[in-house]
Protein backbone atom coordinates (compact mmCIF):
# COMPACT_ATOMS: atom_id res chain seq x y z
CA MET A 1 0.00 0.00 0.00
CA ASP A 2 1.36 3.42 -0.83
CA ASP A 3 1.55 6.40 1.49
CA LEU A 4 -1.70 7.80 0.10
CA GLY A 5 -3.56 4.57 0.87
CA LEU A 6 -2.22 4.42 4.43
CA ASN A 7 -3.01 8.06 5.05
CA HIS A 8 -6.56 7.50 3.79
CA LEU A 9 -6.93 4.42 6.01
CA PHE A 10 -5.60 6.27 9.08
CA GLN A 11 -7.81 9.29 8.38
CA ASN A 12 -10.90 7.05 8.14
CA SER A 13 -9.93 5.38 11.43
CA ARG A 14 -9.45 8.76 13.14
CA ASP A 15 -12.80 9.98 11.77
CA GLU A 16 -14.53 6.85 13.04
CA LEU A 17 -12.92 7.19 16.47
CA GLY A 18 -14.00 10.84 16.59
CA ARG A 19 -17.61 9.93 15.75
CA THR A 20 -17.54 7.16 18.37
CA ALA A 21 -16.22 9.59 21.01
CA GLU A 22 -18.89 12.14 20.08
CA PHE A 23 -21.59 9.46 20.31
CA MET A 24 -20.31 8.28 23.69
CA THR A 25 -20.23 11.86 25.00
CA GLU A 26 -23.75 12.47 23.71
CA GLU A 27 -25.01 9.24 25.31
CA LYS A 28 -23.37 10.20 28.61
CA GLU A 29 -24.97 13.65 28.47
CA LEU A 30 -28.37 12.16 27.65
CA GLY A 31 -27.96 9.72 30.53
CA SER A 32 -27.24 12.65 32.85
CA LEU A 33 -30.27 14.51 31.51
CA ARG A 34 -32.48 11.47 32.05
CA LYS A 35 -31.27 11.10 35.65
CA GLN A 36 -31.88 14.80 36.29
CA LEU A 37 -35.41 14.56 34.85
CA ALA A 38 -36.21 11.62 37.13
CA ALA A 39 -34.84 13.53 40.12
CA MET A 40 -36.84 16.61 39.15
CA LEU A 41 -40.02 14.53 39.02
CA SER A 42 -39.32 13.25 42.53
CA GLY A 43 -39.59 16.81 43.81
CA ARG A 44 -36.67 16.37 46.17
CA GLU A 45 -34.41 18.82 44.39
CA ALA A 46 -35.60 22.40 44.94
CA HIS A 47 -39.27 21.56 45.40
CA LEU A 48 -41.59 19.82 47.81
CA ASP A 49 -42.04 16.11 47.18
CA PHE A 50 -45.47 14.45 47.17
CA ALA A 51 -44.83 12.15 50.14
CA SER A 52 -43.84 15.09 52.35
CA ALA A 53 -46.84 17.12 51.22
CA VAL A 54 -49.36 14.41 52.10
CA ALA A 55 -47.57 13.04 55.19
CA ASP A 56 -49.73 13.22 58.29
CA PHE A 57 -52.52 15.01 56.44
CA PRO A 58 -55.62 14.53 58.59
CA PHE A 59 -58.10 12.52 56.53
CA GLU A 60 -61.06 14.17 58.27
CA LEU A 61 -59.93 17.54 56.82
CA ALA A 62 -59.35 16.29 53.26
CA GLY A 63 -62.52 18.02 52.02
CA ALA A 64 -62.10 21.26 53.98
CA LYS A 65 -61.26 24.54 52.26
CA PRO A 66 -59.59 27.09 54.52
CA GLY A 67 -60.43 30.76 53.96
CA GLY A 68 -58.83 32.03 50.78
CA ALA A 69 -58.13 28.58 49.37
CA PRO A 70 -59.88 27.76 46.10
CA HIS A 71 -59.50 23.99 46.57
CA SER A 72 -59.57 21.34 49.26
CA ALA A 73 -56.69 18.94 49.74
CA TRP A 74 -58.74 16.21 48.08
CA GLU A 75 -59.42 18.35 45.02
CA LEU A 76 -55.72 19.15 44.68
CA ILE A 77 -54.56 15.56 45.16
CA GLU A 78 -57.10 14.16 42.74
CA HIS A 79 -56.31 16.87 40.18
CA LEU A 80 -52.61 16.07 40.50
CA ARG A 81 -53.32 12.35 40.07
CA ILE A 82 -55.66 12.79 37.10
CA ALA A 83 -53.44 15.29 35.26
CA GLN A 84 -50.27 13.28 35.86
CA ARG A 85 -51.98 10.09 34.64
CA ASP A 86 -53.25 11.90 31.56
CA ILE A 87 -49.75 13.11 30.72
CA LEU A 88 -48.33 9.62 31.35
CA ASP A 89 -50.91 8.11 28.99
CA PHE A 90 -50.19 10.83 26.42
CA SER A 91 -46.45 10.11 26.64
CA ARG A 92 -46.75 6.37 26.11
CA PRO A 93 -47.18 4.68 22.76
CA GLY A 94 -50.69 3.53 21.93
CA ASP A 95 -54.14 4.98 21.81
CA TYR A 96 -54.67 8.16 23.77
CA GLN A 97 -58.08 9.52 24.69
CA GLU A 98 -58.04 13.26 25.30
CA ARG A 99 -59.94 14.40 28.38
CA LYS A 100 -62.38 17.29 28.47
CA TRP A 101 -60.91 20.37 30.16
CA PRO A 102 -61.55 21.23 32.94
CA ASP A 103 -64.37 18.83 33.85
CA GLU A 104 -62.37 15.61 33.56
CA TYR A 105 -59.29 16.96 35.33
CA TRP A 106 -60.90 17.78 38.68
CA PRO A 107 -62.91 15.58 41.06
CA SER A 108 -66.65 16.09 41.24
CA SER A 109 -66.64 16.53 45.03
CA ALA A 110 -64.52 18.47 47.51
CA ALA A 111 -63.98 15.40 49.72
CA PRO A 112 -63.16 11.74 49.12
CA SER A 113 -66.04 9.32 49.64
CA SER A 114 -63.92 7.12 51.91
CA ARG A 115 -60.48 6.66 53.41
CA GLU A 116 -60.02 3.84 50.89
CA GLN A 117 -60.59 6.26 48.00
CA TRP A 118 -58.09 8.69 49.56
CA ASN A 119 -55.48 5.95 49.95
CA ARG A 120 -56.07 4.65 46.41
CA SER A 121 -55.51 8.13 45.02
CA LEU A 122 -52.26 8.58 46.96
CA MET A 123 -50.99 5.17 45.86
CA SER A 124 -51.97 5.73 42.24
CA PHE A 125 -50.18 9.07 42.15
CA GLY A 126 -46.97 7.42 43.40
CA GLN A 127 -47.21 4.55 40.91
CA ASP A 128 -47.75 6.91 37.98
CA LEU A 129 -44.89 9.16 39.11
CA ARG A 130 -42.54 6.17 39.18
CA ALA A 131 -43.77 5.13 35.72
CA LEU A 132 -42.97 8.62 34.38
CA GLN A 133 -39.52 8.47 35.96
CA GLU A 134 -38.91 5.09 34.29
CA LEU A 135 -40.17 6.44 30.96
CA ALA A 136 -37.77 9.38 31.20
CA GLN A 137 -34.82 7.19 32.15
CA ASP A 138 -35.39 4.53 29.47
CA SER A 139 -32.86 5.23 26.73
CA SER A 140 -35.12 3.57 24.16
CA ASN A 141 -37.52 6.53 24.56
CA ASP A 142 -36.44 9.53 22.51
CA LEU A 143 -36.77 12.68 24.58
CA PHE A 144 -36.80 15.00 21.56
CA THR A 145 -38.98 13.37 18.89
CA PRO A 146 -42.56 14.65 18.78
CA LEU A 147 -45.05 12.18 20.20
CA PRO A 148 -47.17 10.54 17.48
CA HIS A 149 -50.59 11.66 18.71
CA GLY A 150 -49.54 15.16 19.75
CA THR A 151 -49.07 18.47 18.02
CA GLY A 152 -45.32 18.71 18.48
CA GLN A 153 -45.03 17.76 22.17
CA THR A 154 -42.01 15.66 23.13
CA LEU A 155 -41.37 13.35 26.04
CA LEU A 156 -38.95 15.95 27.42
CA ARG A 157 -41.68 18.60 27.34
CA GLU A 158 -44.20 16.29 29.04
CA VAL A 159 -41.79 15.35 31.85
CA LEU A 160 -41.00 19.02 32.46
CA LEU A 161 -44.72 19.80 32.38
CA VAL A 162 -45.45 17.19 35.07
CA ALA A 163 -42.61 18.46 37.28
CA ASP A 164 -43.82 22.05 36.95
CA HIS A 165 -47.51 21.20 37.40
CA ASN A 166 -46.85 18.99 40.43
CA SER A 167 -44.65 21.65 42.02
CA HIS A 168 -47.34 24.31 41.60
CA HIS A 169 -50.17 22.27 43.10
CA LEU A 170 -48.05 20.72 45.85
CA GLY A 171 -47.31 24.28 46.96
CA GLN A 172 -51.06 24.91 47.10
CA LEU A 173 -51.54 21.68 49.04
CA LEU A 174 -48.93 22.72 51.59
CA PHE A 175 -50.75 26.05 51.98
CA VAL A 176 -54.04 24.23 52.63
CA LYS A 177 -52.33 21.88 55.11
CA LYS A 178 -50.77 24.77 57.04
CA MET A 179 -53.98 26.82 57.08
CA LEU A 180 -56.00 23.87 58.37
CA ALA A 181 -53.44 23.23 61.13
CA ARG A 182 -54.05 26.71 62.63
């Protein structure tokens, strides 16, 4: 092989190594992003987490609205659960049924019908939150490609939406909890 052939071979090898290094760096960065998204969903970073917000909440006050509060704890928790589940369903492959806003995103009553209903709602919220974290961390799910049944929304956008929405309403829930404790 002449010098030109060897130079061409070495150049191709260097180019391939460069592309491999870029790919590995990109994968590492995406892995870091995925971990940060999962942490952000947990609420333990700069925001209140769900478990802390609902810890020791007196069931008998779940339907109470303190002065100045537009919603009871039950209304907030159910809204969080319903909205988060809707976004989870929207973010997964398969058929998605759009809900009617705002009627299908809020409970029909200010209080749960039973302690069992309250506990089911809390458990369901946690399960769906973990499912969203797993969806965000799964490298087979593209964070940037528009979802097939959306209008340009991506998985990244939906995860950030859930984190933001949960943070907002968990703040309201903490307000209700503190006002009712007075």
